[in-house]
Amino acid sequence: MTAEAEVFYDFKGLQCPLPVLKTRKKLQDLSAGDRIRIETTDPLSPLDIAHFCQSEGHILLEQQNEGRVFHFLIQKG
């Protein structure tokens, strides 16, 4: 994919640790600079995704929540 690519995945309904594990797997298929947008409903996702990005060298560009749905935009490092 190019540095401008952005893909979306719906991980709503998955519980910890599946949102992080699936995000890691999807990011493996992308190139550095590509972006992935994900949605989750796991209440631990904000902490888990932020920690995952920090520890794996990815950039958490956006993090929002709408009720019980959490939205993340991650740029692959």
PDB file of N, CA and C in Angstrom:
ATOM      1  N   MET A   1       0.833  -1.174   0.000  1.00  0.00           N
ATOM      2  CA  MET A   1       0.000   0.000   0.000  1.00  0.00           C
ATOM      3  C   MET A   1       0.882   1.243   0.000  1.00  0.00           C
ATOM      4  N   THR A   2       0.315   2.351  -0.410  1.00  0.00           N
ATOM      5  CA  THR A   2       1.068   3.597  -0.431  1.00  0.00           C
ATOM      6  C   THR A   2       0.999   4.275   0.927  1.00  0.00           C
ATOM      7  N   ALA A   3       1.824   5.313   1.106  1.00  0.00           N
ATOM      8  CA  ALA A   3       1.854   6.036   2.374  1.00  0.00           C
ATOM      9  C   ALA A   3       0.540   6.746   2.649  1.00  0.00           C
ATOM     10  N   GLU A   4      -0.321   6.874   1.652  1.00  0.00           N
ATOM     11  CA  GLU A   4      -1.584   7.571   1.835  1.00  0.00           C
ATOM     12  C   GLU A   4      -2.750   6.612   2.066  1.00  0.00           C
ATOM     13  N   ALA A   5      -2.502   5.341   2.094  1.00  0.00           N
ATOM     14  CA  ALA A   5      -3.580   4.360   2.229  1.00  0.00           C
ATOM     15  C   ALA A   5      -4.186   4.409   3.632  1.00  0.00           C
ATOM     16  N   GLU A   6      -5.509   4.225   3.687  1.00  0.00           N
ATOM     17  CA  GLU A   6      -6.208   4.122   4.965  1.00  0.00           C
ATOM     18  C   GLU A   6      -7.261   3.038   4.822  1.00  0.00           C
ATOM     19  N   VAL A   7      -7.264   2.105   5.763  1.00  0.00           N
ATOM     20  CA  VAL A   7      -8.235   1.017   5.735  1.00  0.00           C
ATOM     21  C   VAL A   7      -9.036   1.037   7.033  1.00  0.00           C
ATOM     22  N   PHE A   8     -10.237   0.469   6.991  1.00  0.00           N
ATOM     23  CA  PHE A   8     -11.139   0.460   8.144  1.00  0.00           C
ATOM     24  C   PHE A   8     -11.473  -0.974   8.534  1.00  0.00           C
ATOM     25  N   TYR A   9     -11.489  -1.219   9.845  1.00  0.00           N
ATOM     26  CA  TYR A   9     -11.902  -2.518  10.369  1.00  0.00           C
ATOM     27  C   TYR A   9     -12.839  -2.313  11.550  1.00  0.00           C
ATOM     28  N   ASP A  10     -13.897  -3.093  11.572  1.00  0.00           N
ATOM     29  CA  ASP A  10     -14.893  -3.049  12.630  1.00  0.00           C
ATOM     30  C   ASP A  10     -14.624  -4.198  13.595  1.00  0.00           C
ATOM     31  N   PHE A  11     -14.123  -3.868  14.769  1.00  0.00           N
ATOM     32  CA  PHE A  11     -13.839  -4.870  15.788  1.00  0.00           C
ATOM     33  C   PHE A  11     -14.837  -4.777  16.943  1.00  0.00           C
ATOM     34  N   LYS A  12     -15.994  -4.198  16.686  1.00  0.00           N
ATOM     35  CA  LYS A  12     -17.011  -4.090  17.733  1.00  0.00           C
ATOM     36  C   LYS A  12     -17.470  -5.489  18.144  1.00  0.00           C
ATOM     37  N   GLY A  13     -17.700  -5.659  19.446  1.00  0.00           N
ATOM     38  CA  GLY A  13     -18.146  -6.941  19.977  1.00  0.00           C
ATOM     39  C   GLY A  13     -17.012  -7.849  20.421  1.00  0.00           C
ATOM     40  N   LEU A  14     -15.782  -7.534  20.033  1.00  0.00           N
ATOM     41  CA  LEU A  14     -14.633  -8.345  20.444  1.00  0.00           C
ATOM     42  C   LEU A  14     -14.118  -7.863  21.795  1.00  0.00           C
ATOM     43  N   GLN A  15     -13.744  -8.796  22.648  1.00  0.00           N
ATOM     44  CA  GLN A  15     -13.231  -8.463  23.974  1.00  0.00           C
ATOM     45  C   GLN A  15     -11.715  -8.617  24.007  1.00  0.00           C
ATOM     46  N   CYS A  16     -11.109  -7.944  24.973  1.00  0.00           N
ATOM     47  CA  CYS A  16      -9.673  -7.985  25.206  1.00  0.00           C
ATOM     48  C   CYS A  16      -9.212  -9.451  25.286  1.00  0.00           C
ATOM     49  N   PRO A  17      -8.159  -9.804  24.609  1.00  0.00           N
ATOM     50  CA  PRO A  17      -7.184  -9.004  23.884  1.00  0.00           C
ATOM     51  C   PRO A  17      -7.415  -8.950  22.373  1.00  0.00           C
ATOM     52  N   LEU A  18      -8.564  -9.419  21.897  1.00  0.00           N
ATOM     53  CA  LEU A  18      -8.769  -9.557  20.448  1.00  0.00           C
ATOM     54  C   LEU A  18      -8.644  -8.254  19.655  1.00  0.00           C
ATOM     55  N   PRO A  19      -9.150  -7.106  20.114  1.00  0.00           N
ATOM     56  CA  PRO A  19      -8.968  -5.898  19.301  1.00  0.00           C
ATOM     57  C   PRO A  19      -7.490  -5.580  19.027  1.00  0.00           C
ATOM     58  N   VAL A  20      -6.645  -5.732  20.040  1.00  0.00           N
ATOM     59  CA  VAL A  20      -5.215  -5.469  19.845  1.00  0.00           C
ATOM     60  C   VAL A  20      -4.589  -6.528  18.942  1.00  0.00           C
ATOM     61  N   LEU A  21      -4.913  -7.779  19.157  1.00  0.00           N
ATOM     62  CA  LEU A  21      -4.333  -8.846  18.336  1.00  0.00           C
ATOM     63  C   LEU A  21      -4.725  -8.700  16.873  1.00  0.00           C
ATOM     64  N   LYS A  22      -5.979  -8.378  16.613  1.00  0.00           N
ATOM     65  CA  LYS A  22      -6.427  -8.211  15.230  1.00  0.00           C
ATOM     66  C   LYS A  22      -5.829  -6.952  14.605  1.00  0.00           C
ATOM     67  N   THR A  23      -5.680  -5.889  15.401  1.00  0.00           N
ATOM     68  CA  THR A  23      -5.042  -4.671  14.903  1.00  0.00           C
ATOM     69  C   THR A  23      -3.599  -4.963  14.515  1.00  0.00           C
ATOM     70  N   ARG A  24      -2.885  -5.676  15.360  1.00  0.00           N
ATOM     71  CA  ARG A  24      -1.491  -6.043  15.064  1.00  0.00           C
ATOM     72  C   ARG A  24      -1.411  -6.833  13.757  1.00  0.00           C
ATOM     73  N   LYS A  25      -2.303  -7.791  13.580  1.00  0.00           N
ATOM     74  CA  LYS A  25      -2.293  -8.617  12.366  1.00  0.00           C
ATOM     75  C   LYS A  25      -2.580  -7.779  11.126  1.00  0.00           C
ATOM     76  N   LYS A  26      -3.545  -6.881  11.203  1.00  0.00           N
ATOM     77  CA  LYS A  26      -3.884  -6.033  10.053  1.00  0.00           C
ATOM     78  C   LYS A  26      -2.739  -5.083   9.722  1.00  0.00           C
ATOM     79  N   LEU A  27      -2.063  -4.554  10.740  1.00  0.00           N
ATOM     80  CA  LEU A  27      -0.954  -3.635  10.498  1.00  0.00           C
ATOM     81  C   LEU A  27       0.226  -4.332   9.823  1.00  0.00           C
ATOM     82  N   GLN A  28       0.381  -5.630  10.027  1.00  0.00           N
ATOM     83  CA  GLN A  28       1.485  -6.362   9.404  1.00  0.00           C
ATOM     84  C   GLN A  28       1.407  -6.313   7.881  1.00  0.00           C
ATOM     85  N   ASP A  29       0.207  -6.191   7.348  1.00  0.00           N
ATOM     86  CA  ASP A  29       0.020  -6.173   5.900  1.00  0.00           C
ATOM     87  C   ASP A  29       0.210  -4.785   5.292  1.00  0.00           C
ATOM     88  N   LEU A  30       0.420  -3.764   6.130  1.00  0.00           N
ATOM     89  CA  LEU A  30       0.530  -2.394   5.646  1.00  0.00           C
ATOM     90  C   LEU A  30       1.982  -1.948   5.598  1.00  0.00           C
ATOM     91  N   SER A  31       2.220  -0.867   4.872  1.00  0.00           N
ATOM     92  CA  SER A  31       3.547  -0.260   4.801  1.00  0.00           C
ATOM     93  C   SER A  31       3.652   0.856   5.829  1.00  0.00           C
ATOM     94  N   ALA A  32       4.875   1.197   6.209  1.00  0.00           N
ATOM     95  CA  ALA A  32       5.085   2.310   7.138  1.00  0.00           C
ATOM     96  C   ALA A  32       4.421   3.564   6.574  1.00  0.00           C
ATOM     97  N   GLY A  33       3.706   4.269   7.421  1.00  0.00           N
ATOM     98  CA  GLY A  33       2.998   5.478   7.001  1.00  0.00           C
ATOM     99  C   GLY A  33       1.542   5.237   6.655  1.00  0.00           C
ATOM    100  N   ASP A  34       1.176   3.992   6.339  1.00  0.00           N
ATOM    101  CA  ASP A  34      -0.232   3.682   6.071  1.00  0.00           C
ATOM    102  C   ASP A  34      -1.029   3.831   7.361  1.00  0.00           C
ATOM    103  N   ARG A  35      -2.329   4.028   7.195  1.00  0.00           N
ATOM    104  CA  ARG A  35      -3.198   4.240   8.348  1.00  0.00           C
ATOM    105  C   ARG A  35      -4.287   3.186   8.413  1.00  0.00           C
ATOM    106  N   ILE A  36      -4.659   2.863   9.636  1.00  0.00           N
ATOM    107  CA  ILE A  36      -5.754   1.937   9.873  1.00  0.00           C
ATOM    108  C   ILE A  36      -6.732   2.629  10.823  1.00  0.00           C
ATOM    109  N   ARG A  37      -7.990   2.571  10.480  1.00  0.00           N
ATOM    110  CA  ARG A  37      -9.049   3.116  11.334  1.00  0.00           C
ATOM    111  C   ARG A  37      -9.827   1.926  11.876  1.00  0.00           C
ATOM    112  N   ILE A  38      -9.983   1.882  13.196  1.00  0.00           N
ATOM    113  CA  ILE A  38     -10.706   0.766  13.800  1.00  0.00           C
ATOM    114  C   ILE A  38     -11.787   1.285  14.737  1.00  0.00           C
ATOM    115  N   GLU A  39     -12.807   0.454  14.934  1.00  0.00           N
ATOM    116  CA  GLU A  39     -13.857   0.718  15.914  1.00  0.00           C
ATOM    117  C   GLU A  39     -13.953  -0.489  16.832  1.00  0.00           C
ATOM    118  N   THR A  40     -14.084  -0.220  18.130  1.00  0.00           N
ATOM    119  CA  THR A  40     -14.210  -1.282  19.118  1.00  0.00           C
ATOM    120  C   THR A  40     -15.292  -0.912  20.130  1.00  0.00           C
ATOM    121  N   THR A  41     -15.731  -1.899  20.890  1.00  0.00           N
ATOM    122  CA  THR A  41     -16.650  -1.654  21.999  1.00  0.00           C
ATOM    123  C   THR A  41     -16.069  -2.153  23.318  1.00  0.00           C
ATOM    124  N   ASP A  42     -14.906  -2.728  23.292  1.00  0.00           N
ATOM    125  CA  ASP A  42     -14.266  -3.220  24.513  1.00  0.00           C
ATOM    126  C   ASP A  42     -13.862  -2.025  25.381  1.00  0.00           C
ATOM    127  N   PRO A  43     -14.348  -1.935  26.626  1.00  0.00           N
ATOM    128  CA  PRO A  43     -14.043  -0.776  27.464  1.00  0.00           C
ATOM    129  C   PRO A  43     -12.557  -0.604  27.786  1.00  0.00           C
ATOM    130  N   LEU A  44     -11.760  -1.638  27.622  1.00  0.00           N
ATOM    131  CA  LEU A  44     -10.320  -1.528  27.855  1.00  0.00           C
ATOM    132  C   LEU A  44      -9.549  -1.072  26.619  1.00  0.00           C
ATOM    133  N   SER A  45     -10.220  -0.961  25.502  1.00  0.00           N
ATOM    134  CA  SER A  45      -9.551  -0.606  24.247  1.00  0.00           C
ATOM    135  C   SER A  45      -8.761   0.696  24.306  1.00  0.00           C
ATOM    136  N   PRO A  46      -9.275   1.774  24.893  1.00  0.00           N
ATOM    137  CA  PRO A  46      -8.472   3.004  24.909  1.00  0.00           C
ATOM    138  C   PRO A  46      -7.096   2.808  25.542  1.00  0.00           C
ATOM    139  N   LEU A  47      -7.030   2.104  26.641  1.00  0.00           N
ATOM    140  CA  LEU A  47      -5.731   1.837  27.273  1.00  0.00           C
ATOM    141  C   LEU A  47      -4.910   0.848  26.463  1.00  0.00           C
ATOM    142  N   ASP A  48      -5.547  -0.224  26.027  1.00  0.00           N
ATOM    143  CA  ASP A  48      -4.839  -1.282  25.303  1.00  0.00           C
ATOM    144  C   ASP A  48      -4.271  -0.795  23.974  1.00  0.00           C
ATOM    145  N   ILE A  49      -5.073  -0.067  23.199  1.00  0.00           N
ATOM    146  CA  ILE A  49      -4.616   0.399  21.885  1.00  0.00           C
ATOM    147  C   ILE A  49      -3.504   1.434  22.045  1.00  0.00           C
ATOM    148  N   ALA A  50      -3.648   2.353  23.014  1.00  0.00           N
ATOM    149  CA  ALA A  50      -2.601   3.353  23.246  1.00  0.00           C
ATOM    150  C   ALA A  50      -1.289   2.678  23.648  1.00  0.00           C
ATOM    151  N   HIS A  51      -1.355   1.708  24.538  1.00  0.00           N
ATOM    152  CA  HIS A  51      -0.151   0.991  24.968  1.00  0.00           C
ATOM    153  C   HIS A  51       0.453   0.198  23.812  1.00  0.00           C
ATOM    154  N   PHE A  52      -0.397  -0.460  23.041  1.00  0.00           N
ATOM    155  CA  PHE A  52       0.076  -1.216  21.881  1.00  0.00           C
ATOM    156  C   PHE A  52       0.840  -0.307  20.919  1.00  0.00           C
ATOM    157  N   CYS A  53       0.257   0.841  20.586  1.00  0.00           N
ATOM    158  CA  CYS A  53       0.914   1.757  19.646  1.00  0.00           C
ATOM    159  C   CYS A  53       2.258   2.224  20.184  1.00  0.00           C
ATOM    160  N   GLN A  54       2.289   2.592  21.447  1.00  0.00           N
ATOM    161  CA  GLN A  54       3.527   3.068  22.049  1.00  0.00           C
ATOM    162  C   GLN A  54       4.600   1.979  22.050  1.00  0.00           C
ATOM    163  N   SER A  55       4.228   0.775  22.409  1.00  0.00           N
ATOM    164  CA  SER A  55       5.219  -0.298  22.515  1.00  0.00           C
ATOM    165  C   SER A  55       5.672  -0.836  21.161  1.00  0.00           C
ATOM    166  N   GLU A  56       4.819  -0.711  20.127  1.00  0.00           N
ATOM    167  CA  GLU A  56       5.156  -1.249  18.808  1.00  0.00           C
ATOM    168  C   GLU A  56       5.695  -0.190  17.840  1.00  0.00           C
ATOM    169  N   GLY A  57       5.718   1.080  18.269  1.00  0.00           N
ATOM    170  CA  GLY A  57       6.267   2.135  17.420  1.00  0.00           C
ATOM    171  C   GLY A  57       5.298   2.712  16.409  1.00  0.00           C
ATOM    172  N   HIS A  58       3.997   2.528  16.634  1.00  0.00           N
ATOM    173  CA  HIS A  58       2.979   3.112  15.765  1.00  0.00           C
ATOM    174  C   HIS A  58       2.503   4.428  16.376  1.00  0.00           C
ATOM    175  N   ILE A  59       1.814   5.244  15.585  1.00  0.00           N
ATOM    176  CA  ILE A  59       1.346   6.545  16.054  1.00  0.00           C
ATOM    177  C   ILE A  59      -0.171   6.524  16.159  1.00  0.00           C
ATOM    178  N   LEU A  60      -0.673   6.801  17.344  1.00  0.00           N
ATOM    179  CA  LEU A  60      -2.116   6.909  17.562  1.00  0.00           C
ATOM    180  C   LEU A  60      -2.509   8.342  17.220  1.00  0.00           C
ATOM    181  N   LEU A  61      -3.081   8.526  16.027  1.00  0.00           N
ATOM    182  CA  LEU A  61      -3.402   9.859  15.526  1.00  0.00           C
ATOM    183  C   LEU A  61      -4.698  10.407  16.106  1.00  0.00           C
ATOM    184  N   GLU A  62      -5.681   9.541  16.294  1.00  0.00           N
ATOM    185  CA  GLU A  62      -6.977   9.962  16.828  1.00  0.00           C
ATOM    186  C   GLU A  62      -7.518   8.884  17.747  1.00  0.00           C
ATOM    187  N   GLN A  63      -8.224   9.353  18.768  1.00  0.00           N
ATOM    188  CA  GLN A  63      -8.945   8.444  19.660  1.00  0.00           C
ATOM    189  C   GLN A  63     -10.187   9.180  20.125  1.00  0.00           C
ATOM    190  N   GLN A  64     -11.355   8.634  19.794  1.00  0.00           N
ATOM    191  CA  GLN A  64     -12.621   9.255  20.163  1.00  0.00           C
ATOM    192  C   GLN A  64     -13.567   8.172  20.645  1.00  0.00           C
ATOM    193  N   ASN A  65     -14.582   8.597  21.395  1.00  0.00           N
ATOM    194  CA  ASN A  65     -15.629   7.640  21.727  1.00  0.00           C
ATOM    195  C   ASN A  65     -16.991   8.284  21.533  1.00  0.00           C
ATOM    196  N   GLU A  66     -17.915   7.465  21.082  1.00  0.00           N
ATOM    197  CA  GLU A  66     -19.312   7.842  20.912  1.00  0.00           C
ATOM    198  C   GLU A  66     -20.119   6.811  21.687  1.00  0.00           C
ATOM    199  N   GLY A  67     -20.510   7.165  22.893  1.00  0.00           N
ATOM    200  CA  GLY A  67     -21.197   6.188  23.730  1.00  0.00           C
ATOM    201  C   GLY A  67     -20.266   5.048  24.073  1.00  0.00           C
ATOM    202  N   ARG A  68     -20.650   3.853  23.676  1.00  0.00           N
ATOM    203  CA  ARG A  68     -19.829   2.665  23.965  1.00  0.00           C
ATOM    204  C   ARG A  68     -18.912   2.271  22.814  1.00  0.00           C
ATOM    205  N   VAL A  69     -18.866   3.064  21.770  1.00  0.00           N
ATOM    206  CA  VAL A  69     -18.022   2.752  20.613  1.00  0.00           C
ATOM    207  C   VAL A  69     -16.786   3.647  20.641  1.00  0.00           C
ATOM    208  N   PHE A  70     -15.622   3.018  20.516  1.00  0.00           N
ATOM    209  CA  PHE A  70     -14.348   3.725  20.499  1.00  0.00           C
ATOM    210  C   PHE A  70     -13.796   3.713  19.076  1.00  0.00           C
ATOM    211  N   HIS A  71     -13.304   4.870  18.638  1.00  0.00           N
ATOM    212  CA  HIS A  71     -12.760   5.037  17.291  1.00  0.00           C
ATOM    213  C   HIS A  71     -11.276   5.379  17.415  1.00  0.00           C
ATOM    214  N   PHE A  72     -10.461   4.719  16.608  1.00  0.00           N
ATOM    215  CA  PHE A  72      -9.022   4.951  16.627  1.00  0.00           C
ATOM    216  C   PHE A  72      -8.512   5.098  15.197  1.00  0.00           C
ATOM    217  N   LEU A  73      -7.566   6.008  15.016  1.00  0.00           N
ATOM    218  CA  LEU A  73      -6.838   6.127  13.758  1.00  0.00           C
ATOM    219  C   LEU A  73      -5.366   5.951  14.095  1.00  0.00           C
ATOM    220  N   ILE A  74      -4.763   4.933  13.498  1.00  0.00           N
ATOM    221  CA  ILE A  74      -3.385   4.561  13.801  1.00  0.00           C
ATOM    222  C   ILE A  74      -2.562   4.640  12.523  1.00  0.00           C
ATOM    223  N   GLN A  75      -1.382   5.233  12.638  1.00  0.00           N
ATOM    224  CA  GLN A  75      -0.435   5.252  11.520  1.00  0.00           C
ATOM    225  C   GLN A  75       0.669   4.256  11.827  1.00  0.00           C
ATOM    226  N   LYS A  76       0.923   3.380  10.871  1.00  0.00           N
ATOM    227  CA  LYS A  76       1.961   2.366  11.072  1.00  0.00           C
ATOM    228  C   LYS A  76       3.326   3.029  11.125  1.00  0.00           C
ATOM    229  N   GLY A  77       4.111   2.637  12.133  1.00  0.00           N
ATOM    230  CA  GLY A  77       5.456   3.171  12.314  1.00  0.00           C
ATOM    231  C   GLY A  77       6.475   2.422  11.490  1.00  0.00           C
TER     232      GLY A  77
END
